[in-house]
PDB file of N, CA and C in Angstrom:
ATOM      1  N   UNK A   1      14.030  -0.255 -23.502  1.00  0.00           N
ATOM      2  CA  UNK A   1      14.207   1.160 -23.219  1.00  0.00           C
ATOM      3  C   UNK A   1      15.373   1.314 -22.251  1.00  0.00           C
ATOM      4  N   UNK A   2      16.223   2.295 -22.499  1.00  0.00           N
ATOM      5  CA  UNK A   2      17.301   2.565 -21.546  1.00  0.00           C
ATOM      6  C   UNK A   2      16.725   2.866 -20.158  1.00  0.00           C
ATOM      7  N   UNK A   3      17.497   2.565 -19.158  1.00  0.00           N
ATOM      8  CA  UNK A   3      16.997   2.766 -17.795  1.00  0.00           C
ATOM      9  C   UNK A   3      16.871   4.240 -17.431  1.00  0.00           C
ATOM     10  N   UNK A   4      17.513   5.115 -18.174  1.00  0.00           N
ATOM     11  CA  UNK A   4      17.449   6.539 -17.856  1.00  0.00           C
ATOM     12  C   UNK A   4      16.713   7.292 -18.957  1.00  0.00           C
ATOM     13  N   UNK A   5      15.397   7.166 -18.950  1.00  0.00           N
ATOM     14  CA  UNK A   5      14.558   7.816 -19.948  1.00  0.00           C
ATOM     15  C   UNK A   5      14.085   9.172 -19.436  1.00  0.00           C
ATOM     16  N   UNK A   6      13.716  10.040 -20.375  1.00  0.00           N
ATOM     17  CA  UNK A   6      13.062  11.295 -20.012  1.00  0.00           C
ATOM     18  C   UNK A   6      11.563  11.019 -20.006  1.00  0.00           C
ATOM     19  N   UNK A   7      10.939  11.200 -18.857  1.00  0.00           N
ATOM     20  CA  UNK A   7       9.518  10.914 -18.693  1.00  0.00           C
ATOM     21  C   UNK A   7       8.774  12.220 -18.452  1.00  0.00           C
ATOM     22  N   UNK A   8       7.826  12.503 -19.321  1.00  0.00           N
ATOM     23  CA  UNK A   8       6.974  13.673 -19.129  1.00  0.00           C
ATOM     24  C   UNK A   8       5.730  13.212 -18.386  1.00  0.00           C
ATOM     25  N   UNK A   9       5.493  13.806 -17.231  1.00  0.00           N
ATOM     26  CA  UNK A   9       4.311  13.499 -16.426  1.00  0.00           C
ATOM     27  C   UNK A   9       3.326  14.642 -16.642  1.00  0.00           C
ATOM     28  N   UNK A  10       2.292  14.367 -17.401  1.00  0.00           N
ATOM     29  CA  UNK A  10       1.244  15.358 -17.651  1.00  0.00           C
ATOM     30  C   UNK A  10       0.135  15.113 -16.637  1.00  0.00           C
ATOM     31  N   UNK A  11      -0.290  16.180 -15.959  1.00  0.00           N
ATOM     32  CA  UNK A  11      -1.308  16.012 -14.923  1.00  0.00           C
ATOM     33  C   UNK A  11      -2.308  17.160 -14.953  1.00  0.00           C
ATOM     34  N   UNK A  12      -3.538  16.806 -14.667  1.00  0.00           N
ATOM     35  CA  UNK A  12      -4.606  17.792 -14.662  1.00  0.00           C
ATOM     36  C   UNK A  12      -5.000  18.208 -13.255  1.00  0.00           C
ATOM     37  N   UNK A  13      -5.849  19.202 -13.180  1.00  0.00           N
ATOM     38  CA  UNK A  13      -6.311  19.667 -11.869  1.00  0.00           C
ATOM     39  C   UNK A  13      -7.310  18.683 -11.262  1.00  0.00           C
ATOM     40  N   UNK A  14      -7.428  18.738  -9.942  1.00  0.00           N
ATOM     41  CA  UNK A  14      -8.430  17.923  -9.251  1.00  0.00           C
ATOM     42  C   UNK A  14      -8.846  18.628  -7.976  1.00  0.00           C
ATOM     43  N   UNK A  15      -9.976  18.227  -7.448  1.00  0.00           N
ATOM     44  CA  UNK A  15     -10.497  18.801  -6.213  1.00  0.00           C
ATOM     45  C   UNK A  15     -10.161  17.873  -5.058  1.00  0.00           C
ATOM     46  N   UNK A  16      -9.607  18.423  -4.009  1.00  0.00           N
ATOM     47  CA  UNK A  16      -9.255  17.629  -2.832  1.00  0.00           C
ATOM     48  C   UNK A  16     -10.065  18.102  -1.630  1.00  0.00           C
ATOM     49  N   UNK A  17     -10.796  17.185  -1.046  1.00  0.00           N
ATOM     50  CA  UNK A  17     -11.574  17.455   0.166  1.00  0.00           C
ATOM     51  C   UNK A  17     -12.488  18.669   0.020  1.00  0.00           C
ATOM     52  N   UNK A  18     -13.098  18.800  -1.140  1.00  0.00           N
ATOM     53  CA  UNK A  18     -14.030  19.893  -1.364  1.00  0.00           C
ATOM     54  C   UNK A  18     -13.381  21.232  -1.650  1.00  0.00           C
ATOM     55  N   UNK A  19     -12.060  21.268  -1.715  1.00  0.00           N
ATOM     56  CA  UNK A  19     -11.366  22.512  -2.037  1.00  0.00           C
ATOM     57  C   UNK A  19     -11.494  22.799  -3.527  1.00  0.00           C
ATOM     58  N   UNK A  20     -11.095  23.967  -3.923  1.00  0.00           N
ATOM     59  CA  UNK A  20     -11.178  24.375  -5.325  1.00  0.00           C
ATOM     60  C   UNK A  20     -10.367  23.429  -6.213  1.00  0.00           C
ATOM     61  N   UNK A  21     -10.785  23.330  -7.452  1.00  0.00           N
ATOM     62  CA  UNK A  21     -10.068  22.507  -8.429  1.00  0.00           C
ATOM     63  C   UNK A  21      -8.782  23.228  -8.804  1.00  0.00           C
ATOM     64  N   UNK A  22      -7.654  22.566  -8.567  1.00  0.00           N
ATOM     65  CA  UNK A  22      -6.337  23.135  -8.854  1.00  0.00           C
ATOM     66  C   UNK A  22      -5.387  22.044  -9.302  1.00  0.00           C
ATOM     67  N   UNK A  23      -4.281  22.475  -9.905  1.00  0.00           N
ATOM     68  CA  UNK A  23      -3.186  21.547 -10.195  1.00  0.00           C
ATOM     69  C   UNK A  23      -2.406  21.353  -8.894  1.00  0.00           C
ATOM     70  N   UNK A  24      -2.319  20.133  -8.428  1.00  0.00           N
ATOM     71  CA  UNK A  24      -1.577  19.809  -7.214  1.00  0.00           C
ATOM     72  C   UNK A  24      -0.651  18.635  -7.517  1.00  0.00           C
ATOM     73  N   UNK A  25       0.477  18.596  -6.839  1.00  0.00           N
ATOM     74  CA  UNK A  25       1.448  17.529  -7.097  1.00  0.00           C
ATOM     75  C   UNK A  25       1.574  16.548  -5.930  1.00  0.00           C
ATOM     76  N   UNK A  26       0.782  16.706  -4.886  1.00  0.00           N
ATOM     77  CA  UNK A  26       0.896  15.829  -3.717  1.00  0.00           C
ATOM     78  C   UNK A  26       0.716  14.357  -4.082  1.00  0.00           C
ATOM     79  N   UNK A  27      -0.217  14.058  -4.960  1.00  0.00           N
ATOM     80  CA  UNK A  27      -0.468  12.668  -5.347  1.00  0.00           C
ATOM     81  C   UNK A  27       0.559  12.162  -6.359  1.00  0.00           C
ATOM     82  N   UNK A  28       1.411  13.029  -6.844  1.00  0.00           N
ATOM     83  CA  UNK A  28       2.448  12.624  -7.792  1.00  0.00           C
ATOM     84  C   UNK A  28       3.779  12.316  -7.106  1.00  0.00           C
ATOM     85  N   UNK A  29       3.882  12.589  -5.819  1.00  0.00           N
ATOM     86  CA  UNK A  29       5.151  12.424  -5.105  1.00  0.00           C
ATOM     87  C   UNK A  29       5.675  10.995  -5.159  1.00  0.00           C
ATOM     88  N   UNK A  30       4.815  10.020  -4.905  1.00  0.00           N
ATOM     89  CA  UNK A  30       5.237   8.616  -4.935  1.00  0.00           C
ATOM     90  C   UNK A  30       5.653   8.188  -6.328  1.00  0.00           C
ATOM     91  N   UNK A  31       4.895   8.617  -7.324  1.00  0.00           N
ATOM     92  CA  UNK A  31       5.210   8.303  -8.717  1.00  0.00           C
ATOM     93  C   UNK A  31       6.562   8.885  -9.110  1.00  0.00           C
ATOM     94  N   UNK A  32       6.795  10.127  -8.737  1.00  0.00           N
ATOM     95  CA  UNK A  32       8.078  10.762  -9.028  1.00  0.00           C
ATOM     96  C   UNK A  32       9.231  10.041  -8.335  1.00  0.00           C
ATOM     97  N   UNK A  33       9.011   9.639  -7.089  1.00  0.00           N
ATOM     98  CA  UNK A  33      10.056   8.946  -6.331  1.00  0.00           C
ATOM     99  C   UNK A  33      10.424   7.612  -6.975  1.00  0.00           C
ATOM    100  N   UNK A  34       9.410   6.855  -7.401  1.00  0.00           N
ATOM    101  CA  UNK A  34       9.650   5.546  -8.024  1.00  0.00           C
ATOM    102  C   UNK A  34      10.416   5.710  -9.334  1.00  0.00           C
ATOM    103  N   UNK A  35      10.011   6.687 -10.144  1.00  0.00           N
ATOM    104  CA  UNK A  35      10.675   6.902 -11.428  1.00  0.00           C
ATOM    105  C   UNK A  35      12.100   7.428 -11.242  1.00  0.00           C
ATOM    106  N   UNK A  36      12.285   8.328 -10.286  1.00  0.00           N
ATOM    107  CA  UNK A  36      13.623   8.867 -10.018  1.00  0.00           C
ATOM    108  C   UNK A  36      14.555   7.781  -9.492  1.00  0.00           C
ATOM    109  N   UNK A  37      14.018   6.876  -8.692  1.00  0.00           N
ATOM    110  CA  UNK A  37      14.820   5.774  -8.149  1.00  0.00           C
ATOM    111  C   UNK A  37      15.372   4.899  -9.271  1.00  0.00           C
ATOM    112  N   UNK A  38      14.614   4.777 -10.365  1.00  0.00           N
ATOM    113  CA  UNK A  38      15.068   4.013 -11.532  1.00  0.00           C
ATOM    114  C   UNK A  38      16.023   4.815 -12.416  1.00  0.00           C
ATOM    115  N   UNK A  39      16.269   6.087 -12.065  1.00  0.00           N
ATOM    116  CA  UNK A  39      17.214   6.900 -12.814  1.00  0.00           C
ATOM    117  C   UNK A  39      16.619   7.734 -13.927  1.00  0.00           C
ATOM    118  N   UNK A  40      15.296   7.781 -14.018  1.00  0.00           N
ATOM    119  CA  UNK A  40      14.647   8.561 -15.072  1.00  0.00           C
ATOM    120  C   UNK A  40      14.627  10.040 -14.708  1.00  0.00           C
ATOM    121  N   UNK A  41      14.695  10.890 -15.723  1.00  0.00           N
ATOM    122  CA  UNK A  41      14.488  12.318 -15.488  1.00  0.00           C
ATOM    123  C   UNK A  41      13.004  12.603 -15.708  1.00  0.00           C
ATOM    124  N   UNK A  42      12.453  13.462 -14.873  1.00  0.00           N
ATOM    125  CA  UNK A  42      11.016  13.698 -14.850  1.00  0.00           C
ATOM    126  C   UNK A  42      10.731  15.160 -15.149  1.00  0.00           C
ATOM    127  N   UNK A  43       9.801  15.381 -16.052  1.00  0.00           N
ATOM    128  CA  UNK A  43       9.340  16.728 -16.380  1.00  0.00           C
ATOM    129  C   UNK A  43       7.846  16.769 -16.078  1.00  0.00           C
ATOM    130  N   UNK A  44       7.436  17.682 -15.206  1.00  0.00           N
ATOM    131  CA  UNK A  44       6.021  17.844 -14.889  1.00  0.00           C
ATOM    132  C   UNK A  44       5.407  18.850 -15.847  1.00  0.00           C
ATOM    133  N   UNK A  45       4.250  18.500 -16.387  1.00  0.00           N
ATOM    134  CA  UNK A  45       3.576  19.359 -17.348  1.00  0.00           C
ATOM    135  C   UNK A  45       2.098  19.419 -17.008  1.00  0.00           C
ATOM    136  N   UNK A  46       1.590  20.622 -16.751  1.00  0.00           N
ATOM    137  CA  UNK A  46       0.171  20.790 -16.424  1.00  0.00           C
ATOM    138  C   UNK A  46      -0.669  20.704 -17.694  1.00  0.00           C
ATOM    139  N   UNK A  47      -1.830  20.023 -17.567  1.00  0.00           N
ATOM    140  CA  UNK A  47      -2.802  19.975 -18.649  1.00  0.00           C
ATOM    141  C   UNK A  47      -4.156  20.388 -18.077  1.00  0.00           C
ATOM    142  N   UNK A  48      -5.120  20.620 -18.932  1.00  0.00           N
ATOM    143  CA  UNK A  48      -6.422  21.098 -18.470  1.00  0.00           C
ATOM    144  C   UNK A  48      -7.431  19.979 -18.211  1.00  0.00           C
ATOM    145  N   UNK A  49      -7.122  18.745 -18.585  1.00  0.00           N
ATOM    146  CA  UNK A  49      -8.043  17.624 -18.354  1.00  0.00           C
ATOM    147  C   UNK A  49      -8.096  17.283 -16.868  1.00  0.00           C
ATOM    148  N   UNK A  50      -9.280  17.316 -16.288  1.00  0.00           N
ATOM    149  CA  UNK A  50      -9.435  17.055 -14.857  1.00  0.00           C
ATOM    150  C   UNK A  50      -9.093  15.613 -14.515  1.00  0.00           C
ATOM    151  N   UNK A  51      -8.449  15.425 -13.366  1.00  0.00           N
ATOM    152  CA  UNK A  51      -8.201  14.113 -12.747  1.00  0.00           C
ATOM    153  C   UNK A  51      -7.321  13.172 -13.566  1.00  0.00           C
ATOM    154  N   UNK A  52      -6.551  13.663 -14.493  1.00  0.00           N
ATOM    155  CA  UNK A  52      -5.781  12.812 -15.401  1.00  0.00           C
ATOM    156  C   UNK A  52      -4.290  12.873 -15.087  1.00  0.00           C
ATOM    157  N   UNK A  53      -3.640  11.714 -15.187  1.00  0.00           N
ATOM    158  CA  UNK A  53      -2.177  11.626 -15.170  1.00  0.00           C
ATOM    159  C   UNK A  53      -1.777  10.793 -16.380  1.00  0.00           C
ATOM    160  N   UNK A  54      -0.822  11.310 -17.149  1.00  0.00           N
ATOM    161  CA  UNK A  54      -0.295  10.580 -18.299  1.00  0.00           C
ATOM    162  C   UNK A  54       1.223  10.583 -18.220  1.00  0.00           C
ATOM    163  N   UNK A  55       1.828   9.457 -18.518  1.00  0.00           N
ATOM    164  CA  UNK A  55       3.281   9.383 -18.620  1.00  0.00           C
ATOM    165  C   UNK A  55       3.632   9.252 -20.096  1.00  0.00           C
ATOM    166  N   UNK A  56       4.529  10.101 -20.546  1.00  0.00           N
ATOM    167  CA  UNK A  56       4.912  10.107 -21.952  1.00  0.00           C
ATOM    168  C   UNK A  56       6.404   9.839 -22.052  1.00  0.00           C
ATOM    169  N   UNK A  57       6.749   8.855 -22.875  1.00  0.00           N
ATOM    170  CA  UNK A  57       8.141   8.507 -23.160  1.00  0.00           C
ATOM    171  C   UNK A  57       8.282   8.467 -24.678  1.00  0.00           C
ATOM    172  N   UNK A  58       9.265   9.173 -25.198  1.00  0.00           N
ATOM    173  CA  UNK A  58       9.478   9.232 -26.655  1.00  0.00           C
ATOM    174  C   UNK A  58       8.213   9.633 -27.403  1.00  0.00           C
ATOM    175  N   UNK A  59       7.520  10.646 -26.880  1.00  0.00           N
ATOM    176  CA  UNK A  59       6.311  11.214 -27.488  1.00  0.00           C
ATOM    177  C   UNK A  59       5.139  10.237 -27.560  1.00  0.00           C
ATOM    178  N   UNK A  60       5.180   9.172 -26.773  1.00  0.00           N
ATOM    179  CA  UNK A  60       4.113   8.177 -26.743  1.00  0.00           C
ATOM    180  C   UNK A  60       3.575   8.053 -25.318  1.00  0.00           C
ATOM    181  N   UNK A  61       2.244   8.074 -25.183  1.00  0.00           N
ATOM    182  CA  UNK A  61       1.628   7.877 -23.870  1.00  0.00           C
ATOM    183  C   UNK A  61       1.778   6.401 -23.507  1.00  0.00           C
ATOM    184  N   UNK A  62       2.533   6.129 -22.438  1.00  0.00           N
ATOM    185  CA  UNK A  62       2.781   4.744 -22.038  1.00  0.00           C
ATOM    186  C   UNK A  62       1.956   4.336 -20.816  1.00  0.00           C
ATOM    187  N   UNK A  63       1.375   5.330 -20.126  1.00  0.00           N
ATOM    188  CA  UNK A  63       0.583   5.021 -18.933  1.00  0.00           C
ATOM    189  C   UNK A  63      -0.385   6.173 -18.701  1.00  0.00           C
ATOM    190  N   UNK A  64      -1.599   5.827 -18.235  1.00  0.00           N
ATOM    191  CA  UNK A  64      -2.596   6.844 -17.925  1.00  0.00           C
ATOM    192  C   UNK A  64      -3.454   6.345 -16.771  1.00  0.00           C
ATOM    193  N   UNK A  65      -3.799   7.246 -15.844  1.00  0.00           N
ATOM    194  CA  UNK A  65      -4.688   6.884 -14.754  1.00  0.00           C
ATOM    195  C   UNK A  65      -5.381   8.123 -14.208  1.00  0.00           C
ATOM    196  N   UNK A  66      -6.304   7.901 -13.297  1.00  0.00           N
ATOM    197  CA  UNK A  66      -6.974   8.980 -12.580  1.00  0.00           C
ATOM    198  C   UNK A  66      -6.054   9.398 -11.438  1.00  0.00           C
ATOM    199  N   UNK A  67      -5.767  10.680 -11.336  1.00  0.00           N
ATOM    200  CA  UNK A  67      -4.843  11.167 -10.304  1.00  0.00           C
ATOM    201  C   UNK A  67      -5.350  10.841  -8.899  1.00  0.00           C
ATOM    202  N   UNK A  68      -6.676  10.745  -8.732  1.00  0.00           N
ATOM    203  CA  UNK A  68      -7.244  10.450  -7.418  1.00  0.00           C
ATOM    204  C   UNK A  68      -6.990   9.003  -6.996  1.00  0.00           C
ATOM    205  N   UNK A  69      -6.609   8.143  -7.943  1.00  0.00           N
ATOM    206  CA  UNK A  69      -6.316   6.747  -7.617  1.00  0.00           C
ATOM    207  C   UNK A  69      -4.902   6.562  -7.086  1.00  0.00           C
ATOM    208  N   UNK A  70      -4.042   7.561  -7.246  1.00  0.00           N
ATOM    209  CA  UNK A  70      -2.682   7.488  -6.697  1.00  0.00           C
ATOM    210  C   UNK A  70      -2.725   7.807  -5.212  1.00  0.00           C
ATOM    211  N   UNK A  71      -1.864   7.161  -4.452  1.00  0.00           N
ATOM    212  CA  UNK A  71      -1.822   7.419  -3.016  1.00  0.00           C
ATOM    213  C   UNK A  71      -1.262   8.812  -2.753  1.00  0.00           C
ATOM    214  N   UNK A  72      -1.760   9.438  -1.706  1.00  0.00           N
ATOM    215  CA  UNK A  72      -1.347  10.792  -1.337  1.00  0.00           C
ATOM    216  C   UNK A  72       0.025  10.745  -0.678  1.00  0.00           C
ATOM    217  N   UNK A  73       0.989  11.486  -1.228  1.00  0.00           N
ATOM    218  CA  UNK A  73       2.335  11.559  -0.640  1.00  0.00           C
ATOM    219  C   UNK A  73       3.039  10.212  -0.645  1.00  0.00           C
ATOM    220  N   UNK A  74       4.025  10.086   0.175  1.00  0.00           N
ATOM    221  CA  UNK A  74       4.741   8.817   0.313  1.00  0.00           C
ATOM    222  C   UNK A  74       5.800   8.599  -0.740  1.00  0.00           C
ATOM    223  N   UNK A  75       6.378   7.395  -0.695  1.00  0.00           N
ATOM    224  CA  UNK A  75       7.483   7.082  -1.599  1.00  0.00           C
ATOM    225  C   UNK A  75       7.051   6.223  -2.784  1.00  0.00           C
ATOM    226  N   UNK A  76       5.785   5.860  -2.855  1.00  0.00           N
ATOM    227  CA  UNK A  76       5.270   5.102  -3.980  1.00  0.00           C
ATOM    228  C   UNK A  76       5.567   3.616  -3.950  1.00  0.00           C
ATOM    229  N   UNK A  77       6.335   3.160  -2.971  1.00  0.00           N
ATOM    230  CA  UNK A  77       6.737   1.758  -2.918  1.00  0.00           C
ATOM    231  C   UNK A  77       5.550   0.803  -2.742  1.00  0.00           C
ATOM    232  N   UNK A  78       4.536   1.225  -2.018  1.00  0.00           N
ATOM    233  CA  UNK A  78       3.395   0.350  -1.748  1.00  0.00           C
ATOM    234  C   UNK A  78       2.192   0.634  -2.641  1.00  0.00           C
ATOM    235  N   UNK A  79       2.317   1.604  -3.532  1.00  0.00           N
ATOM    236  CA  UNK A  79       1.217   1.972  -4.420  1.00  0.00           C
ATOM    237  C   UNK A  79       1.275   1.115  -5.684  1.00  0.00           C
ATOM    238  N   UNK A  80       0.280   0.236  -5.900  1.00  0.00           N
ATOM    239  CA  UNK A  80       0.320  -0.633  -7.077  1.00  0.00           C
ATOM    240  C   UNK A  80       0.298   0.140  -8.400  1.00  0.00           C
ATOM    241  N   UNK A  81      -0.325   1.312  -8.420  1.00  0.00           N
ATOM    242  CA  UNK A  81      -0.330   2.110  -9.651  1.00  0.00           C
ATOM    243  C   UNK A  81       1.055   2.649  -9.976  1.00  0.00           C
ATOM    244  N   UNK A  82       1.820   2.995  -8.964  1.00  0.00           N
ATOM    245  CA  UNK A  82       3.189   3.464  -9.199  1.00  0.00           C
ATOM    246  C   UNK A  82       4.045   2.350  -9.793  1.00  0.00           C
ATOM    247  N   UNK A  83       3.846   1.139  -9.314  1.00  0.00           N
ATOM    248  CA  UNK A  83       4.585  -0.003  -9.853  1.00  0.00           C
ATOM    249  C   UNK A  83       4.175  -0.284 -11.299  1.00  0.00           C
ATOM    250  N   UNK A  84       2.892  -0.184 -11.567  1.00  0.00           N
ATOM    251  CA  UNK A  84       2.403  -0.378 -12.941  1.00  0.00           C
ATOM    252  C   UNK A  84       2.979   0.694 -13.872  1.00  0.00           C
ATOM    253  N   UNK A  85       3.021   1.930 -13.397  1.00  0.00           N
ATOM    254  CA  UNK A  85       3.583   3.021 -14.194  1.00  0.00           C
ATOM    255  C   UNK A  85       5.076   2.801 -14.433  1.00  0.00           C
ATOM    256  N   UNK A  86       5.789   2.364 -13.405  1.00  0.00           N
ATOM    257  CA  UNK A  86       7.225   2.091 -13.532  1.00  0.00           C
ATOM    258  C   UNK A  86       7.479   1.036 -14.610  1.00  0.00           C
ATOM    259  N   UNK A  87       6.704  -0.029 -14.589  1.00  0.00           N
ATOM    260  CA  UNK A  87       6.864  -1.089 -15.594  1.00  0.00           C
ATOM    261  C   UNK A  87       6.523  -0.579 -16.987  1.00  0.00           C
ATOM    262  N   UNK A  88       5.519   0.263 -17.092  1.00  0.00           N
ATOM    263  CA  UNK A  88       5.145   0.824 -18.394  1.00  0.00           C
ATOM    264  C   UNK A  88       6.282   1.655 -18.979  1.00  0.00           C
ATOM    265  N   UNK A  89       6.971   2.405 -18.136  1.00  0.00           N
ATOM    266  CA  UNK A  89       8.087   3.223 -18.603  1.00  0.00           C
ATOM    267  C   UNK A  89       9.243   2.316 -19.021  1.00  0.00           C
ATOM    268  N   UNK A  90       9.521   1.293 -18.239  1.00  0.00           N
ATOM    269  CA  UNK A  90      10.618   0.375 -18.572  1.00  0.00           C
ATOM    270  C   UNK A  90      10.362  -0.397 -19.866  1.00  0.00           C
ATOM    271  N   UNK A  91       9.089  -0.660 -20.169  1.00  0.00           N
ATOM    272  CA  UNK A  91       8.729  -1.399 -21.372  1.00  0.00           C
ATOM    273  C   UNK A  91       8.479  -0.502 -22.584  1.00  0.00           C
ATOM    274  N   UNK A  92       8.642   0.810 -22.425  1.00  0.00           N
ATOM    275  CA  UNK A  92       8.401   1.751 -23.532  1.00  0.00           C
ATOM    276  C   UNK A  92       9.454   1.567 -24.613  1.00  0.00           C
ATOM    277  N   UNK A  93       9.074   1.862 -25.829  1.00  0.00           N
ATOM    278  CA  UNK A  93      10.012   1.745 -26.952  1.00  0.00           C
ATOM    279  C   UNK A  93      10.419   3.098 -27.441  1.00  0.00           C
TER     280      UNK A  93
END
């Protein structure tokens, strides 16, 4: 896969600290930073599935996880899920 892919990040709503269920991007910040550092363009897309994050490259889901498993904020460098997602995008066809 070229190093500069278009990555669609589909994410669902989740509840944080007992607050209402909403679409929030705080847990996506590290993931976005890691992908942008590799030169990928990122498109955020809201979905209705709770607690879900999916990365789509060339219309194929290449990575999926629970949004609550991503670290809150930060640059994603120390988050093992961000590294796994980065590798999944690089290995996409």
